[in-house]
Protein backbone atom coordinates (compact mmCIF):
# COMPACT_ATOMS: atom_id res chain seq x y z
CA MET A 1 -83.42 -72.63 -68.99
CA HIS A 2 -85.58 -73.13 -72.11
CA LEU A 3 -83.41 -72.84 -75.24
CA GLY A 4 -85.80 -70.31 -76.83
CA LYS A 5 -85.52 -67.99 -73.82
CA LEU A 6 -81.76 -68.48 -73.73
CA PHE A 7 -81.47 -67.55 -77.43
CA SER A 8 -83.71 -64.52 -76.96
CA GLY A 9 -81.58 -63.37 -74.07
CA LEU A 10 -78.47 -63.81 -76.16
CA ILE A 11 -79.95 -61.67 -78.94
CA VAL A 12 -80.83 -58.90 -76.50
CA ALA A 13 -77.34 -58.97 -75.04
CA LEU A 14 -75.58 -58.99 -78.40
CA SER A 15 -77.81 -56.28 -79.88
CA ALA A 16 -76.26 -53.87 -77.41
CA PHE A 17 -72.99 -54.47 -79.27
CA GLY A 18 -74.53 -53.94 -82.71
CA VAL A 19 -74.84 -57.66 -83.54
CA SER A 20 -78.11 -58.48 -85.35
CA GLU A 21 -80.27 -61.57 -84.93
CA ALA A 22 -79.49 -62.52 -88.53
CA GLN A 23 -75.76 -62.45 -87.84
CA VAL A 24 -76.20 -64.71 -84.81
CA TRP A 25 -78.34 -67.38 -86.52
CA GLN A 26 -76.56 -70.63 -87.34
CA PRO A 27 -78.34 -73.69 -88.79
CA ALA A 28 -78.74 -76.48 -86.26
CA LYS A 29 -78.29 -79.31 -88.77
CA PRO A 30 -76.93 -79.94 -92.29
CA ILE A 31 -78.55 -77.98 -95.12
CA LYS A 32 -80.32 -79.52 -98.09
CA ILE A 33 -80.75 -77.69 -101.41
CA ILE A 34 -83.59 -79.16 -103.47
CA VAL A 35 -83.24 -78.57 -107.22
CA THR A 36 -86.45 -78.75 -109.23
CA VAL A 37 -84.78 -80.01 -112.44
CA PRO A 38 -82.44 -82.90 -113.36
CA PRO A 39 -78.65 -82.77 -112.83
CA GLY A 40 -76.46 -80.94 -115.34
CA SER A 41 -78.67 -77.91 -116.00
CA SER A 42 -77.89 -74.27 -115.19
CA THR A 43 -80.17 -74.56 -112.16
CA ASP A 44 -78.25 -77.58 -110.90
CA ILE A 45 -74.88 -75.88 -111.48
CA LEU A 46 -76.00 -72.92 -109.38
CA ALA A 47 -77.11 -75.14 -106.52
CA ARG A 48 -73.85 -77.07 -106.48
CA LEU A 49 -71.77 -73.91 -106.49
CA LEU A 50 -73.73 -72.73 -103.44
CA ALA A 51 -73.23 -76.13 -101.80
CA GLU A 52 -69.47 -75.71 -102.20
CA ARG A 53 -69.39 -72.32 -100.50
CA LEU A 54 -72.15 -72.10 -97.90
CA PRO A 55 -70.51 -74.47 -95.38
CA GLY A 56 -67.69 -71.98 -94.88
CA SER A 57 -70.04 -69.28 -93.62
CA LEU A 58 -72.88 -71.27 -92.07
CA GLY A 59 -70.85 -73.99 -90.37
CA GLN A 60 -72.88 -76.91 -91.73
CA SER A 61 -72.46 -79.31 -94.61
CA VAL A 62 -74.71 -78.78 -97.63
CA VAL A 63 -76.10 -81.48 -99.93
CA VAL A 64 -77.94 -81.10 -103.24
CA GLU A 65 -80.98 -83.23 -104.01
CA ASN A 66 -82.57 -83.23 -107.47
CA ARG A 67 -86.35 -83.63 -107.51
CA PRO A 68 -87.48 -82.93 -111.08
CA GLY A 69 -90.96 -83.25 -112.51
CA ALA A 70 -94.21 -81.41 -113.20
CA SER A 71 -92.43 -78.22 -114.33
CA GLY A 72 -90.75 -77.87 -110.95
CA ILE A 73 -93.85 -78.48 -108.84
CA ILE A 74 -92.55 -81.72 -107.30
CA GLY A 75 -89.34 -80.20 -105.96
CA ALA A 76 -90.99 -76.93 -104.96
CA THR A 77 -93.66 -78.80 -103.01
CA ALA A 78 -90.95 -80.64 -101.09
CA VAL A 79 -89.40 -77.29 -100.16
CA ALA A 80 -92.76 -75.77 -99.18
CA ARG A 81 -93.61 -78.70 -96.90
CA SER A 82 -90.27 -78.78 -95.11
CA VAL A 83 -89.61 -77.38 -91.63
CA PRO A 84 -89.14 -73.59 -92.02
CA ASP A 85 -85.86 -73.41 -90.14
CA GLY A 86 -83.45 -72.43 -92.91
CA THR A 87 -82.08 -75.93 -93.47
CA THR A 88 -84.10 -76.77 -96.59
CA LEU A 89 -83.59 -74.47 -99.57
CA GLY A 90 -84.84 -74.65 -103.12
CA VAL A 91 -83.39 -73.54 -106.44
CA ALA A 92 -85.76 -73.33 -109.42
CA PRO A 93 -85.91 -71.69 -112.85
CA SER A 94 -88.72 -69.37 -113.92
CA THR A 95 -90.64 -72.36 -115.26
CA LEU A 96 -91.92 -72.89 -111.72
CA PHE A 97 -93.90 -69.65 -111.88
CA ILE A 98 -95.44 -70.56 -115.23
CA ALA A 99 -96.47 -74.06 -114.11
CA PRO A 100 -99.59 -73.07 -112.12
CA HIS A 101 -100.95 -71.35 -115.22
CA VAL A 102 -100.38 -74.25 -117.65
CA LEU A 103 -100.90 -77.38 -115.54
CA PRO A 104 -104.24 -78.84 -114.40
CA LYS A 105 -105.02 -78.01 -110.79
CA ASP A 106 -104.72 -81.66 -109.75
CA ALA A 107 -101.10 -81.65 -111.02
CA THR A 108 -99.93 -78.85 -108.72
CA SER A 109 -100.22 -80.81 -105.43
CA GLY A 110 -102.10 -77.88 -103.92
CA LEU A 111 -98.96 -75.73 -104.08
CA ASN A 112 -99.44 -71.97 -104.24
CA VAL A 113 -96.06 -70.70 -105.39
CA LEU A 114 -96.64 -67.17 -104.09
CA ARG A 115 -98.11 -68.17 -100.73
CA ASP A 116 -96.07 -71.26 -99.85
CA LEU A 117 -92.57 -70.19 -100.88
CA VAL A 118 -90.42 -67.21 -99.85
CA PRO A 119 -87.78 -65.91 -102.30
CA VAL A 120 -84.46 -65.29 -100.54
CA VAL A 121 -82.45 -63.84 -103.41
CA ARG A 122 -82.31 -63.84 -107.19
CA LEU A 123 -79.29 -66.03 -107.85
CA ALA A 124 -78.74 -65.55 -111.57
CA SER A 125 -80.26 -65.34 -115.01
CA THR A 126 -79.55 -66.81 -118.42
CA PRO A 127 -80.59 -65.18 -121.68
CA LEU A 128 -83.06 -66.78 -124.08
CA LEU A 129 -82.03 -67.02 -127.72
CA ILE A 130 -83.30 -68.01 -131.12
CA LEU A 131 -80.81 -70.41 -132.70
CA VAL A 132 -80.92 -72.06 -136.12
CA HIS A 133 -79.11 -74.84 -137.92
CA PRO A 134 -76.52 -73.39 -140.34
CA SER A 135 -78.00 -75.34 -143.26
CA ILE A 136 -80.93 -72.92 -143.61
CA GLU A 137 -78.49 -70.02 -144.18
CA VAL A 138 -80.26 -67.59 -141.88
CA LYS A 139 -78.33 -65.07 -139.78
CA THR A 140 -80.76 -62.28 -138.83
CA PRO A 141 -84.35 -62.00 -137.60
CA ALA A 142 -85.40 -60.54 -140.98
CA GLU A 143 -83.88 -63.52 -142.78
CA LEU A 144 -85.60 -65.91 -140.37
CA ILE A 145 -88.97 -64.27 -141.00
CA ALA A 146 -88.41 -64.53 -144.76
CA TYR A 147 -87.47 -68.21 -144.35
CA LEU A 148 -90.66 -68.88 -142.38
CA LYS A 149 -92.77 -67.11 -144.98
CA ARG A 150 -91.30 -69.45 -147.58
CA ASN A 151 -91.61 -72.48 -145.31
CA PRO A 152 -94.80 -72.09 -143.25
CA GLY A 153 -95.28 -74.64 -140.49
CA SER A 154 -91.53 -75.12 -139.90
CA GLY A 155 -90.85 -76.78 -136.57
CA TYR A 156 -89.24 -75.05 -133.63
CA ALA A 157 -87.83 -77.00 -130.70
CA THR A 158 -88.13 -76.02 -127.03
CA SER A 159 -87.53 -77.59 -123.65
CA GLY A 160 -91.23 -78.42 -123.30
CA ASN A 161 -94.85 -77.35 -123.33
CA GLY A 162 -95.46 -74.30 -121.15
CA SER A 163 -91.75 -73.46 -120.88
CA PRO A 164 -90.48 -69.87 -121.24
CA MET A 165 -89.10 -70.94 -124.62
CA HIS A 166 -92.53 -72.17 -125.75
CA ILE A 167 -94.05 -68.87 -124.64
CA ALA A 168 -91.35 -66.95 -126.54
CA GLY A 169 -92.00 -68.96 -129.69
CA GLU A 170 -95.72 -68.28 -129.64
CA MET A 171 -95.12 -64.57 -129.00
CA PHE A 172 -92.66 -64.48 -131.91
CA LYS A 173 -95.23 -66.06 -134.24
CA LYS A 174 -97.83 -63.44 -133.36
CA ALA A 175 -95.42 -60.49 -133.55
CA THR A 176 -94.07 -61.52 -136.97
CA GLY A 177 -97.17 -63.01 -138.58
CA THR A 178 -95.35 -66.29 -139.20
CA ASP A 179 -96.45 -69.89 -138.82
CA MET A 180 -94.32 -72.39 -136.89
CA THR A 181 -95.07 -75.79 -135.37
CA HIS A 182 -94.03 -76.25 -131.76
CA ILE A 183 -91.95 -79.37 -131.09
CA PRO A 184 -91.62 -79.88 -127.31
CA TYR A 185 -88.78 -81.89 -125.77
CA LYS A 186 -88.12 -82.97 -122.20
CA GLY A 187 -85.42 -80.45 -121.42
CA VAL A 188 -83.12 -77.94 -123.07
CA MET A 189 -80.35 -80.30 -124.15
CA PRO A 190 -82.54 -82.80 -126.06
CA ALA A 191 -84.08 -79.91 -128.01
CA VAL A 192 -80.67 -78.37 -128.73
CA MET A 193 -79.08 -81.67 -129.73
CA ASP A 194 -81.79 -82.41 -132.29
CA THR A 195 -81.28 -78.91 -133.71
CA VAL A 196 -77.52 -79.47 -133.89
CA ALA A 197 -78.24 -82.73 -135.74
CA GLY A 198 -80.54 -80.92 -138.17
CA GLN A 199 -83.64 -82.87 -137.18
CA VAL A 200 -85.21 -79.50 -136.34
CA LYS A 201 -83.95 -76.27 -137.92
CA ILE A 202 -84.95 -73.73 -135.25
CA THR A 203 -84.81 -73.73 -131.48
CA PHE A 204 -85.84 -71.24 -128.82
CA THR A 205 -83.55 -71.96 -125.89
CA ALA A 206 -81.58 -70.68 -122.92
CA LEU A 207 -77.85 -70.01 -123.30
CA GLY A 208 -76.82 -71.93 -120.18
CA GLY A 209 -74.72 -74.95 -121.10
CA ILE A 210 -74.88 -74.58 -124.89
CA GLY A 211 -72.28 -71.90 -125.65
CA SER A 212 -69.91 -74.39 -127.31
CA PHE A 213 -72.43 -75.09 -130.09
CA ILE A 214 -72.44 -71.39 -130.93
CA SER A 215 -68.66 -70.92 -130.75
CA THR A 216 -68.06 -73.93 -133.02
CA GLY A 217 -70.65 -72.83 -135.58
CA LYS A 218 -72.95 -75.81 -135.08
CA LEU A 219 -75.76 -73.39 -134.26
CA VAL A 220 -76.25 -69.82 -135.47
CA PRO A 221 -77.57 -67.25 -132.96
CA ILE A 222 -80.28 -65.05 -134.48
CA ALA A 223 -81.40 -62.82 -131.61
CA VAL A 224 -81.66 -62.39 -127.86
CA ILE A 225 -85.26 -62.63 -126.60
CA GLU A 226 -84.89 -60.01 -123.87
CA ASP A 227 -85.14 -56.25 -123.55
CA LYS A 228 -81.40 -55.68 -123.79
CA ARG A 229 -78.28 -57.38 -125.12
CA THR A 230 -76.42 -59.79 -122.91
CA ASP A 231 -72.77 -59.35 -121.99
CA LEU A 232 -72.37 -63.08 -122.61
CA LEU A 233 -73.03 -62.56 -126.35
CA PRO A 234 -72.58 -58.81 -126.84
CA ASN A 235 -72.68 -58.93 -130.66
CA ILE A 236 -76.09 -60.59 -130.86
CA PRO A 237 -78.95 -58.06 -131.19
CA THR A 238 -82.27 -58.20 -129.40
CA LEU A 239 -85.51 -58.73 -131.29
CA ARG A 240 -86.54 -55.20 -130.34
CA GLU A 241 -83.42 -53.83 -132.04
CA SER A 242 -84.52 -55.71 -135.13
CA GLY A 243 -87.94 -54.04 -135.09
CA ILE A 244 -89.82 -56.94 -133.47
CA ARG A 245 -91.59 -55.76 -130.33
CA ASP A 246 -93.51 -57.46 -127.53
CA VAL A 247 -91.34 -60.59 -127.55
CA GLU A 248 -89.31 -60.41 -124.34
CA VAL A 249 -88.98 -63.43 -122.07
CA SER A 250 -86.33 -64.08 -119.44
CA VAL A 251 -85.21 -67.00 -117.28
CA SER A 252 -84.00 -66.36 -113.76
CA PHE A 253 -83.19 -68.57 -110.79
CA PRO A 254 -84.44 -67.61 -107.31
CA LEU A 255 -83.34 -69.23 -104.07
CA LEU A 256 -86.44 -70.26 -102.10
CA VAL A 257 -87.38 -71.29 -98.55
CA PRO A 258 -90.73 -72.44 -97.13
CA ALA A 259 -93.25 -69.87 -95.98
CA GLY A 260 -92.99 -69.29 -92.26
CA THR A 261 -89.20 -69.13 -92.26
CA PRO A 262 -88.30 -66.42 -89.71
CA PRO A 263 -87.22 -63.12 -91.31
CA HIS A 264 -83.85 -63.13 -89.56
CA ILE A 265 -83.02 -66.48 -91.17
CA VAL A 266 -84.06 -65.20 -94.60
CA GLN A 267 -81.88 -62.13 -94.01
CA ARG A 268 -78.85 -64.19 -93.00
CA LEU A 269 -79.19 -66.49 -96.00
CA ASN A 270 -79.56 -63.45 -98.24
CA GLN A 271 -76.41 -61.87 -96.83
CA GLU A 272 -74.31 -65.00 -97.21
CA VAL A 273 -75.51 -65.83 -100.72
CA ASN A 274 -74.97 -62.25 -101.90
CA ALA A 275 -71.41 -62.45 -100.61
CA ILE A 276 -70.91 -65.66 -102.58
CA LEU A 277 -72.38 -64.13 -105.74
CA ARG A 278 -69.91 -61.23 -105.53
CA SER A 279 -66.95 -63.60 -105.84
CA PRO A 280 -65.10 -62.89 -109.12
CA GLU A 281 -64.14 -66.56 -109.41
CA LEU A 282 -67.75 -67.69 -109.06
CA ARG A 283 -68.99 -65.07 -111.51
CA ASP A 284 -66.43 -66.27 -114.06
CA ARG A 285 -67.51 -69.88 -113.60
CA LEU A 286 -71.13 -68.91 -114.15
CA ARG A 287 -70.30 -66.85 -117.23
CA ASN A 288 -68.47 -69.83 -118.70
CA ALA A 289 -71.67 -71.82 -118.20
CA GLY A 290 -73.77 -69.14 -119.93
CA VAL A 291 -75.24 -67.73 -116.73
CA GLU A 292 -75.01 -64.21 -115.23
CA ALA A 293 -74.84 -63.82 -111.44
CA ALA A 294 -77.51 -61.57 -109.95
CA GLY A 295 -78.09 -60.88 -106.23
CA GLY A 296 -80.07 -58.23 -104.36
CA SER A 297 -82.50 -58.13 -101.46
CA SER A 298 -85.18 -60.65 -100.59
CA ASP A 299 -87.80 -57.96 -101.20
CA GLU A 300 -86.49 -57.47 -104.73
CA ALA A 301 -86.53 -61.21 -105.33
CA ALA A 302 -90.12 -61.46 -104.09
CA ARG A 303 -91.18 -58.59 -106.35
CA ASP A 304 -89.53 -60.23 -109.38
CA VAL A 305 -91.26 -63.54 -108.67
CA ARG A 306 -94.65 -61.89 -108.24
CA ASP A 307 -94.25 -59.82 -111.41
CA GLU A 308 -93.21 -62.88 -113.44
CA PHE A 309 -96.10 -64.93 -112.09
CA LEU A 310 -98.67 -62.28 -113.04
CA ARG A 311 -97.14 -61.53 -116.46
CA TYR A 312 -96.92 -65.19 -117.44
CA GLY A 313 -100.49 -65.76 -116.32
CA LYS A 314 -101.71 -63.14 -118.78
CA ILE A 315 -99.54 -64.47 -121.63
CA VAL A 316 -100.57 -68.09 -121.08
CA ALA A 317 -104.25 -67.10 -121.10
CA GLU A 318 -103.81 -65.02 -124.27
CA PHE A 319 -102.12 -67.80 -126.24
CA GLY A 320 -103.96 -70.75 -124.70
CA ILE A 321 -100.69 -72.46 -123.78
CA LYS A 322 -100.98 -75.82 -122.02
CA GLY A 323 -98.38 -77.79 -120.06
CA GLU A 324 -97.51 -81.45 -120.33
């Protein structure tokens, strides 16, 4: 008997006992998780934590493959062009949904991030922060604005052109009437390390992986660039609390599969990953890395991705932001 007919018959038989198609699906070969950024980042940590835990529920080994470049387009394209059978997954930060707006069309490999990729679940998020070197003796947004008024053109470091941090910096300049010079780096850590060294005095960055610089006083947190405080740094106010509005940018990490992946496979992956994200031990490990576990339905993840894509498109056009 043809395997497809055999499987269909099995589903019909099991459905009579309340067993769904999603519960029955098992991957037929080892799973690959493609990460769109280099090793060591929050995105990479998330993927490797999934790789540790998914084999127990899906019955297949899981490997992580880093394919950085072009603001996530290279890795995302590899996911989009893979066989849509649930054995190739992607983990990417929000940068991926900014990239089509800031890169030339010939740099996107023809990828349409909304059409060619299906969000499975929102894995986690990490707050964006404004941090400064302690030498400038600034501790609040008001003091930072006063510093910038005295020192127009001061540099601010980010993880790169067209990044969420770059967008946040340009929004901050407009909202506060200050003048800063953007200094792009190739990644969060190079930008942070130069700020720790005092080469740059201000950085707009994500919390993931840099908490030790705050706890040891090497960097001073000024504000959270989101609509509410984060439990990871509960004493740090938002910009809105400080009277600075319209500067709210977030970084989240969706799990992705190629378009055309059957809904029952998406559902099964969503169920298993949500179960993993509910683990107290995993949530603690993420918190220690400066990341907050998320979760939710695939529909919610798709809505978040679509909303981010549209919002960033408008912001990029308004500020004339270009990628690298």
